[in-house]
Amino acid sequence: SKSSQKTPNDSLTSIVGTSDAITLTKGEIVKVASMDFSVLVLGETGTGKELVAAAIHNASSRKNGPFIKLNCSAIPAELFESELFGYESGAFTGAAKGGKAGLFEAAHNGTVFLDEIGEMPVQLQTRLLRVLQEHEVIRVGGHNTTDVDVRIIAATNQDLHRAVAEGRFRKDLYYRLSVLPLYIPPLRDRREDIPELFRFFMEQRQVEFALSPALRSFFLTYPWPGNIRQ
């Protein structure tokens, strides 16, 4: 889905595991949630970055506000700007009469989660920087500014340092987003959580069966390149 205006129920209890690695991460989530700054969630694909973002929101002072998410890789380039910033009536062919609020206006007093932030077009990164610096947006086709009070949590599995060096990501935006960086460990670094995760997914899907010793051993030694999603 492109975006969601529902406040999730996900909290720290939704993050399964008791390994040292994930316990440390949960502690970092609590610390980060208490500080109302931008967060950059880093981790491989499938590690649960969206779940972590929701947990941060729900442990923060903004928990009663909206939590709106946008997958930056799922939006066609021609719709990206209007999705984020909204548009005025007549801004383009097919624009709704009366215009439409964008994601940032809809998330006022809440949190915006920008997943796969490395996929955001460079020309729009400048406009996102304005939201972070000035706390205001201008709709597509408009001239008036609208004040917005939002916290931005961004996530990526990319090397943004490399993207900055290659000119694909603005350096100033990177530093604005990564005020509070949070690294999510891959599953291979928290293997002791695998049995608990297995039980969790069995309960979630209401199935029950036992693993043979050989299969259990395989699960505990397999590198899980797709992490928890796999």
C-alpha atoms as a PDB file:
ATOM      1  CA  SER A   1       0.000   0.000   0.000  1.00  0.00           C
ATOM      2  CA  LYS A   2       1.137   3.550  -0.661  1.00  0.00           C
ATOM      3  CA  SER A   3       0.208   4.982   2.688  1.00  0.00           C
ATOM      4  CA  SER A   4      -1.790   4.309   5.815  1.00  0.00           C
ATOM      5  CA  GLN A   5      -3.481   6.722   8.180  1.00  0.00           C
ATOM      6  CA  LYS A   6      -4.092   4.129  10.858  1.00  0.00           C
ATOM      7  CA  THR A   7      -2.172   4.290  14.090  1.00  0.00           C
ATOM      8  CA  PRO A   8      -0.648   0.818  14.475  1.00  0.00           C
ATOM      9  CA  ASN A   9      -0.898  -1.285  17.606  1.00  0.00           C
ATOM     10  CA  ASP A  10       2.667  -2.462  17.182  1.00  0.00           C
ATOM     11  CA  SER A  11       4.810  -1.953  20.245  1.00  0.00           C
ATOM     12  CA  LEU A  12       7.950  -3.419  21.773  1.00  0.00           C
ATOM     13  CA  THR A  13       5.988  -6.562  22.637  1.00  0.00           C
ATOM     14  CA  SER A  14       5.501  -7.140  18.897  1.00  0.00           C
ATOM     15  CA  ILE A  15       9.255  -7.444  18.413  1.00  0.00           C
ATOM     16  CA  VAL A  16       9.878 -11.110  19.088  1.00  0.00           C
ATOM     17  CA  GLY A  17      13.113 -12.298  20.649  1.00  0.00           C
ATOM     18  CA  THR A  18      15.256 -12.200  23.785  1.00  0.00           C
ATOM     19  CA  SER A  19      18.759 -12.401  22.286  1.00  0.00           C
ATOM     20  CA  ASP A  20      21.355  -9.884  23.375  1.00  0.00           C
ATOM     21  CA  ALA A  21      21.231  -8.264  19.928  1.00  0.00           C
ATOM     22  CA  ILE A  22      17.467  -7.671  19.861  1.00  0.00           C
ATOM     23  CA  THR A  23      17.323  -6.767  23.562  1.00  0.00           C
ATOM     24  CA  LEU A  24      19.882  -4.038  22.891  1.00  0.00           C
ATOM     25  CA  THR A  25      17.799  -2.878  19.929  1.00  0.00           C
ATOM     26  CA  LYS A  26      14.645  -2.689  22.067  1.00  0.00           C
ATOM     27  CA  GLY A  27      16.536  -0.544  24.558  1.00  0.00           C
ATOM     28  CA  GLU A  28      17.611   1.765  21.739  1.00  0.00           C
ATOM     29  CA  ILE A  29      14.007   2.015  20.521  1.00  0.00           C
ATOM     30  CA  VAL A  30      12.893   3.228  23.956  1.00  0.00           C
ATOM     31  CA  LYS A  31      15.666   5.844  24.040  1.00  0.00           C
ATOM     32  CA  VAL A  32      14.992   7.039  20.493  1.00  0.00           C
ATOM     33  CA  ALA A  33      11.229   7.205  21.068  1.00  0.00           C
ATOM     34  CA  SER A  34      11.674   9.574  24.006  1.00  0.00           C
ATOM     35  CA  MET A  35      13.504  12.145  21.861  1.00  0.00           C
ATOM     36  CA  ASP A  36      11.409  13.975  19.263  1.00  0.00           C
ATOM     37  CA  PHE A  37      14.002  14.009  16.475  1.00  0.00           C
ATOM     38  CA  SER A  38      14.253  12.390  13.057  1.00  0.00           C
ATOM     39  CA  VAL A  39      15.233   8.714  13.046  1.00  0.00           C
ATOM     40  CA  LEU A  40      17.025   6.735  10.350  1.00  0.00           C
ATOM     41  CA  VAL A  41      16.342   3.001  10.693  1.00  0.00           C
ATOM     42  CA  LEU A  42      19.060   0.956   9.018  1.00  0.00           C
ATOM     43  CA  GLY A  43      18.953  -2.744   8.281  1.00  0.00           C
ATOM     44  CA  GLU A  44      18.851  -5.420   5.639  1.00  0.00           C
ATOM     45  CA  THR A  45      15.644  -6.261   3.823  1.00  0.00           C
ATOM     46  CA  GLY A  46      13.222  -8.282   5.932  1.00  0.00           C
ATOM     47  CA  THR A  47      14.613  -7.293   9.345  1.00  0.00           C
ATOM     48  CA  GLY A  48      11.403  -5.541  10.454  1.00  0.00           C
ATOM     49  CA  LYS A  49      12.164  -1.848   9.931  1.00  0.00           C
ATOM     50  CA  GLU A  50       8.484  -0.912   9.614  1.00  0.00           C
ATOM     51  CA  LEU A  51       7.660  -2.757  12.838  1.00  0.00           C
ATOM     52  CA  VAL A  52      10.462  -0.856  14.583  1.00  0.00           C
ATOM     53  CA  ALA A  53       9.186   2.473  13.220  1.00  0.00           C
ATOM     54  CA  ALA A  54       5.701   1.721  14.530  1.00  0.00           C
ATOM     55  CA  ALA A  55       7.129   0.760  17.923  1.00  0.00           C
ATOM     56  CA  ILE A  56       9.012   4.064  18.075  1.00  0.00           C
ATOM     57  CA  HIS A  57       5.827   5.985  17.262  1.00  0.00           C
ATOM     58  CA  ASN A  58       3.769   4.126  19.860  1.00  0.00           C
ATOM     59  CA  ALA A  59       6.367   4.648  22.579  1.00  0.00           C
ATOM     60  CA  SER A  60       6.641   8.374  21.804  1.00  0.00           C
ATOM     61  CA  SER A  61       4.739  11.472  22.855  1.00  0.00           C
ATOM     62  CA  ARG A  62       3.053  11.367  19.425  1.00  0.00           C
ATOM     63  CA  LYS A  63       1.421   7.974  20.003  1.00  0.00           C
ATOM     64  CA  ASN A  64      -2.095   9.436  19.901  1.00  0.00           C
ATOM     65  CA  GLY A  65      -1.398  11.130  16.576  1.00  0.00           C
ATOM     66  CA  PRO A  66      -1.461   9.532  13.117  1.00  0.00           C
ATOM     67  CA  PHE A  67       1.220   7.147  11.880  1.00  0.00           C
ATOM     68  CA  ILE A  68       1.386   7.419   8.103  1.00  0.00           C
ATOM     69  CA  LYS A  69       3.713   5.303   6.022  1.00  0.00           C
ATOM     70  CA  LEU A  70       4.943   5.611   2.469  1.00  0.00           C
ATOM     71  CA  ASN A  71       7.099   3.154   0.568  1.00  0.00           C
ATOM     72  CA  CYS A  72       9.287   5.379  -1.590  1.00  0.00           C
ATOM     73  CA  SER A  73       9.952   2.580  -4.076  1.00  0.00           C
ATOM     74  CA  ALA A  74       6.257   1.908  -4.679  1.00  0.00           C
ATOM     75  CA  ILE A  75       5.223   5.368  -5.883  1.00  0.00           C
ATOM     76  CA  PRO A  76       5.448   6.268  -9.596  1.00  0.00           C
ATOM     77  CA  ALA A  77       7.768   9.251 -10.072  1.00  0.00           C
ATOM     78  CA  GLU A  78       4.968  11.403 -11.525  1.00  0.00           C
ATOM     79  CA  LEU A  79       2.794  10.914  -8.419  1.00  0.00           C
ATOM     80  CA  PHE A  80       5.511  11.222  -5.782  1.00  0.00           C
ATOM     81  CA  GLU A  81       5.303  14.994  -5.289  1.00  0.00           C
ATOM     82  CA  SER A  82       1.514  15.195  -5.001  1.00  0.00           C
ATOM     83  CA  GLU A  83       1.428  12.163  -2.687  1.00  0.00           C
ATOM     84  CA  LEU A  84       3.866  13.784  -0.261  1.00  0.00           C
ATOM     85  CA  PHE A  85       2.884  17.431  -0.467  1.00  0.00           C
ATOM     86  CA  GLY A  86      -0.681  17.426  -1.775  1.00  0.00           C
ATOM     87  CA  TYR A  87      -2.024  19.571  -4.596  1.00  0.00           C
ATOM     88  CA  GLU A  88      -4.348  22.464  -5.312  1.00  0.00           C
ATOM     89  CA  SER A  89      -7.401  22.292  -7.543  1.00  0.00           C
ATOM     90  CA  GLY A  90      -6.392  22.357 -11.213  1.00  0.00           C
ATOM     91  CA  ALA A  91      -2.732  21.693 -10.458  1.00  0.00           C
ATOM     92  CA  PHE A  92      -2.639  19.058 -13.199  1.00  0.00           C
ATOM     93  CA  THR A  93      -4.951  17.100 -15.473  1.00  0.00           C
ATOM     94  CA  GLY A  94      -7.159  14.878 -13.352  1.00  0.00           C
ATOM     95  CA  ALA A  95      -6.561  16.798 -10.117  1.00  0.00           C
ATOM     96  CA  ALA A  96      -9.518  16.517  -7.752  1.00  0.00           C
ATOM     97  CA  LYS A  97     -11.703  19.598  -7.453  1.00  0.00           C
ATOM     98  CA  GLY A  98     -10.769  21.429  -4.282  1.00  0.00           C
ATOM     99  CA  GLY A  99      -7.335  19.862  -4.167  1.00  0.00           C
ATOM    100  CA  LYS A 100      -6.045  17.254  -1.765  1.00  0.00           C
ATOM    101  CA  ALA A 101      -3.912  17.237   1.355  1.00  0.00           C
ATOM    102  CA  GLY A 102      -0.615  15.399   1.110  1.00  0.00           C
ATOM    103  CA  LEU A 103       0.962  12.903   3.431  1.00  0.00           C
ATOM    104  CA  PHE A 104       2.644  15.509   5.634  1.00  0.00           C
ATOM    105  CA  GLU A 105      -0.530  17.500   6.209  1.00  0.00           C
ATOM    106  CA  ALA A 106      -2.426  14.286   7.024  1.00  0.00           C
ATOM    107  CA  ALA A 107       0.251  13.336   9.564  1.00  0.00           C
ATOM    108  CA  HIS A 108       0.119  16.632  11.489  1.00  0.00           C
ATOM    109  CA  ASN A 109       0.992  16.012  15.174  1.00  0.00           C
ATOM    110  CA  GLY A 110       2.024  12.471  14.328  1.00  0.00           C
ATOM    111  CA  THR A 111       4.725  10.492  12.561  1.00  0.00           C
ATOM    112  CA  VAL A 112       5.605   9.950   8.913  1.00  0.00           C
ATOM    113  CA  PHE A 113       7.429   6.727   8.063  1.00  0.00           C
ATOM    114  CA  LEU A 114       9.325   6.916   4.772  1.00  0.00           C
ATOM    115  CA  ASP A 115      10.412   3.402   3.879  1.00  0.00           C
ATOM    116  CA  GLU A 116      13.180   2.860   1.323  1.00  0.00           C
ATOM    117  CA  ILE A 117      14.129   6.532   1.519  1.00  0.00           C
ATOM    118  CA  GLY A 118      17.091   5.890  -0.782  1.00  0.00           C
ATOM    119  CA  GLU A 119      14.613   5.557  -3.673  1.00  0.00           C
ATOM    120  CA  MET A 120      13.330   9.130  -3.310  1.00  0.00           C
ATOM    121  CA  PRO A 121      14.055  11.215  -6.444  1.00  0.00           C
ATOM    122  CA  VAL A 122      16.796  13.794  -5.866  1.00  0.00           C
ATOM    123  CA  GLN A 123      14.560  16.709  -6.912  1.00  0.00           C
ATOM    124  CA  LEU A 124      12.081  15.839  -4.172  1.00  0.00           C
ATOM    125  CA  GLN A 125      14.778  15.473  -1.533  1.00  0.00           C
ATOM    126  CA  THR A 126      15.115  19.269  -1.580  1.00  0.00           C
ATOM    127  CA  ARG A 127      11.432  19.661  -0.752  1.00  0.00           C
ATOM    128  CA  LEU A 128      11.656  17.092   2.031  1.00  0.00           C
ATOM    129  CA  LEU A 129      14.572  19.054   3.465  1.00  0.00           C
ATOM    130  CA  ARG A 130      12.304  22.120   3.622  1.00  0.00           C
ATOM    131  CA  VAL A 131       9.760  20.171   5.669  1.00  0.00           C
ATOM    132  CA  LEU A 132      12.511  19.202   8.114  1.00  0.00           C
ATOM    133  CA  GLN A 133      13.971  22.696   8.330  1.00  0.00           C
ATOM    134  CA  GLU A 134      10.938  24.976   8.084  1.00  0.00           C
ATOM    135  CA  HIS A 135       8.153  22.644   9.273  1.00  0.00           C
ATOM    136  CA  GLU A 136       5.926  23.715   6.408  1.00  0.00           C
ATOM    137  CA  VAL A 137       4.718  22.430   3.039  1.00  0.00           C
ATOM    138  CA  ILE A 138       3.564  23.992  -0.216  1.00  0.00           C
ATOM    139  CA  ARG A 139       1.055  21.990  -2.237  1.00  0.00           C
ATOM    140  CA  VAL A 140       1.704  21.268  -5.919  1.00  0.00           C
ATOM    141  CA  GLY A 141       0.255  24.158  -7.909  1.00  0.00           C
ATOM    142  CA  GLY A 142      -0.035  26.315  -4.808  1.00  0.00           C
ATOM    143  CA  HIS A 143       1.799  29.268  -3.297  1.00  0.00           C
ATOM    144  CA  ASN A 144       0.683  29.295   0.322  1.00  0.00           C
ATOM    145  CA  THR A 145       2.587  27.456   3.029  1.00  0.00           C
ATOM    146  CA  THR A 146       0.933  25.155   5.552  1.00  0.00           C
ATOM    147  CA  ASP A 147       2.568  24.546   8.924  1.00  0.00           C
ATOM    148  CA  VAL A 148       3.063  20.893   9.783  1.00  0.00           C
ATOM    149  CA  ASP A 149       4.302  19.330  13.002  1.00  0.00           C
ATOM    150  CA  VAL A 150       5.509  15.851  12.102  1.00  0.00           C
ATOM    151  CA  ARG A 151       8.269  13.511  13.149  1.00  0.00           C
ATOM    152  CA  ILE A 152       9.977  11.721  10.286  1.00  0.00           C
ATOM    153  CA  ILE A 153      11.247   8.176  10.594  1.00  0.00           C
ATOM    154  CA  ALA A 154      13.064   7.018   7.468  1.00  0.00           C
ATOM    155  CA  ALA A 155      14.338   3.537   6.683  1.00  0.00           C
ATOM    156  CA  THR A 156      16.693   2.032   4.150  1.00  0.00           C
ATOM    157  CA  ASN A 157      18.658  -1.093   3.353  1.00  0.00           C
ATOM    158  CA  GLN A 158      20.967   0.940   1.119  1.00  0.00           C
ATOM    159  CA  ASP A 159      24.366   2.405   1.865  1.00  0.00           C
ATOM    160  CA  LEU A 160      23.375   6.085   1.982  1.00  0.00           C
ATOM    161  CA  HIS A 161      26.999   7.166   2.419  1.00  0.00           C
ATOM    162  CA  ARG A 162      27.678   5.678  -0.997  1.00  0.00           C
ATOM    163  CA  ALA A 163      24.512   7.240  -2.423  1.00  0.00           C
ATOM    164  CA  VAL A 164      25.704  10.642  -1.170  1.00  0.00           C
ATOM    165  CA  ALA A 165      29.150  10.127  -2.721  1.00  0.00           C
ATOM    166  CA  GLU A 166      27.515   9.173  -6.034  1.00  0.00           C
ATOM    167  CA  GLY A 167      25.213  12.213  -5.996  1.00  0.00           C
ATOM    168  CA  ARG A 168      22.018  10.168  -5.625  1.00  0.00           C
ATOM    169  CA  PHE A 169      21.236  11.452  -2.150  1.00  0.00           C
ATOM    170  CA  ARG A 170      21.659  14.920  -0.664  1.00  0.00           C
ATOM    171  CA  LYS A 171      24.287  15.108   2.043  1.00  0.00           C
ATOM    172  CA  ASP A 172      22.397  17.767   4.017  1.00  0.00           C
ATOM    173  CA  LEU A 173      19.219  15.651   3.940  1.00  0.00           C
ATOM    174  CA  TYR A 174      21.145  12.592   5.101  1.00  0.00           C
ATOM    175  CA  TYR A 175      22.390  14.416   8.195  1.00  0.00           C
ATOM    176  CA  ARG A 176      18.917  15.837   8.889  1.00  0.00           C
ATOM    177  CA  LEU A 177      17.360  12.383   8.750  1.00  0.00           C
ATOM    178  CA  SER A 178      20.033  10.539  10.707  1.00  0.00           C
ATOM    179  CA  VAL A 179      19.932  12.605  13.893  1.00  0.00           C
ATOM    180  CA  LEU A 180      19.092   9.329  15.661  1.00  0.00           C
ATOM    181  CA  PRO A 181      20.393   6.353  13.639  1.00  0.00           C
ATOM    182  CA  LEU A 182      19.079   2.942  14.671  1.00  0.00           C
ATOM    183  CA  TYR A 183      20.550  -0.302  13.321  1.00  0.00           C
ATOM    184  CA  ILE A 184      18.397  -3.446  13.192  1.00  0.00           C
ATOM    185  CA  PRO A 185      20.463  -6.657  13.403  1.00  0.00           C
ATOM    186  CA  PRO A 186      20.015  -9.347  10.736  1.00  0.00           C
ATOM    187  CA  LEU A 187      18.558 -12.686  11.787  1.00  0.00           C
ATOM    188  CA  ARG A 188      21.923 -14.454  11.423  1.00  0.00           C
ATOM    189  CA  ASP A 189      23.220 -12.265  14.279  1.00  0.00           C
ATOM    190  CA  ARG A 190      20.359 -13.281  16.577  1.00  0.00           C
ATOM    191  CA  ARG A 191      19.976 -16.984  15.792  1.00  0.00           C
ATOM    192  CA  GLU A 192      18.879 -17.830  19.339  1.00  0.00           C
ATOM    193  CA  ASP A 193      15.613 -16.005  18.558  1.00  0.00           C
ATOM    194  CA  ILE A 194      14.728 -18.368  15.694  1.00  0.00           C
ATOM    195  CA  PRO A 195      12.824 -20.971  17.811  1.00  0.00           C
ATOM    196  CA  GLU A 196      10.763 -18.209  19.437  1.00  0.00           C
ATOM    197  CA  LEU A 197      10.048 -16.611  16.057  1.00  0.00           C
ATOM    198  CA  PHE A 198       9.023 -20.017  14.703  1.00  0.00           C
ATOM    199  CA  ARG A 199       6.561 -20.497  17.575  1.00  0.00           C
ATOM    200  CA  PHE A 200       5.236 -16.959  17.084  1.00  0.00           C
ATOM    201  CA  PHE A 201       4.444 -17.538  13.412  1.00  0.00           C
ATOM    202  CA  MET A 202       2.855 -20.925  14.150  1.00  0.00           C
ATOM    203  CA  GLU A 203       0.527 -19.298  16.689  1.00  0.00           C
ATOM    204  CA  GLN A 204      -0.207 -16.425  14.335  1.00  0.00           C
ATOM    205  CA  ARG A 205      -1.241 -18.842  11.577  1.00  0.00           C
ATOM    206  CA  GLN A 206      -2.932 -21.238  14.011  1.00  0.00           C
ATOM    207  CA  VAL A 207      -0.902 -24.274  13.004  1.00  0.00           C
ATOM    208  CA  GLU A 208       0.958 -26.754  15.171  1.00  0.00           C
ATOM    209  CA  PHE A 209       3.739 -29.143  14.237  1.00  0.00           C
ATOM    210  CA  ALA A 210       7.148 -30.153  15.536  1.00  0.00           C
ATOM    211  CA  LEU A 211      10.523 -29.715  13.866  1.00  0.00           C
ATOM    212  CA  SER A 212      12.738 -32.741  13.492  1.00  0.00           C
ATOM    213  CA  PRO A 213      16.172 -32.365  15.109  1.00  0.00           C
ATOM    214  CA  ALA A 214      17.756 -32.186  11.642  1.00  0.00           C
ATOM    215  CA  LEU A 215      15.399 -29.412  10.482  1.00  0.00           C
ATOM    216  CA  ARG A 216      15.829 -27.496  13.725  1.00  0.00           C
ATOM    217  CA  SER A 217      19.609 -27.687  13.286  1.00  0.00           C
ATOM    218  CA  PHE A 218      19.241 -26.483   9.697  1.00  0.00           C
ATOM    219  CA  PHE A 219      17.107 -23.500  10.770  1.00  0.00           C
ATOM    220  CA  LEU A 220      19.685 -22.507  13.383  1.00  0.00           C
ATOM    221  CA  THR A 221      22.612 -22.630  10.946  1.00  0.00           C
ATOM    222  CA  TYR A 222      20.984 -21.310   7.754  1.00  0.00           C
ATOM    223  CA  PRO A 223      22.108 -17.692   6.991  1.00  0.00           C
ATOM    224  CA  TRP A 224      18.550 -16.376   6.274  1.00  0.00           C
ATOM    225  CA  PRO A 225      19.444 -13.806   3.582  1.00  0.00           C
ATOM    226  CA  GLY A 226      15.799 -12.635   3.560  1.00  0.00           C
ATOM    227  CA  ASN A 227      15.810 -12.346   7.363  1.00  0.00           C
ATOM    228  CA  ILE A 228      12.506 -12.562   9.271  1.00  0.00           C
ATOM    229  CA  ARG A 229      10.399 -11.952   6.169  1.00  0.00           C
ATOM    230  CA  GLN A 230      11.906 -15.105   4.639  1.00  0.00           C
END
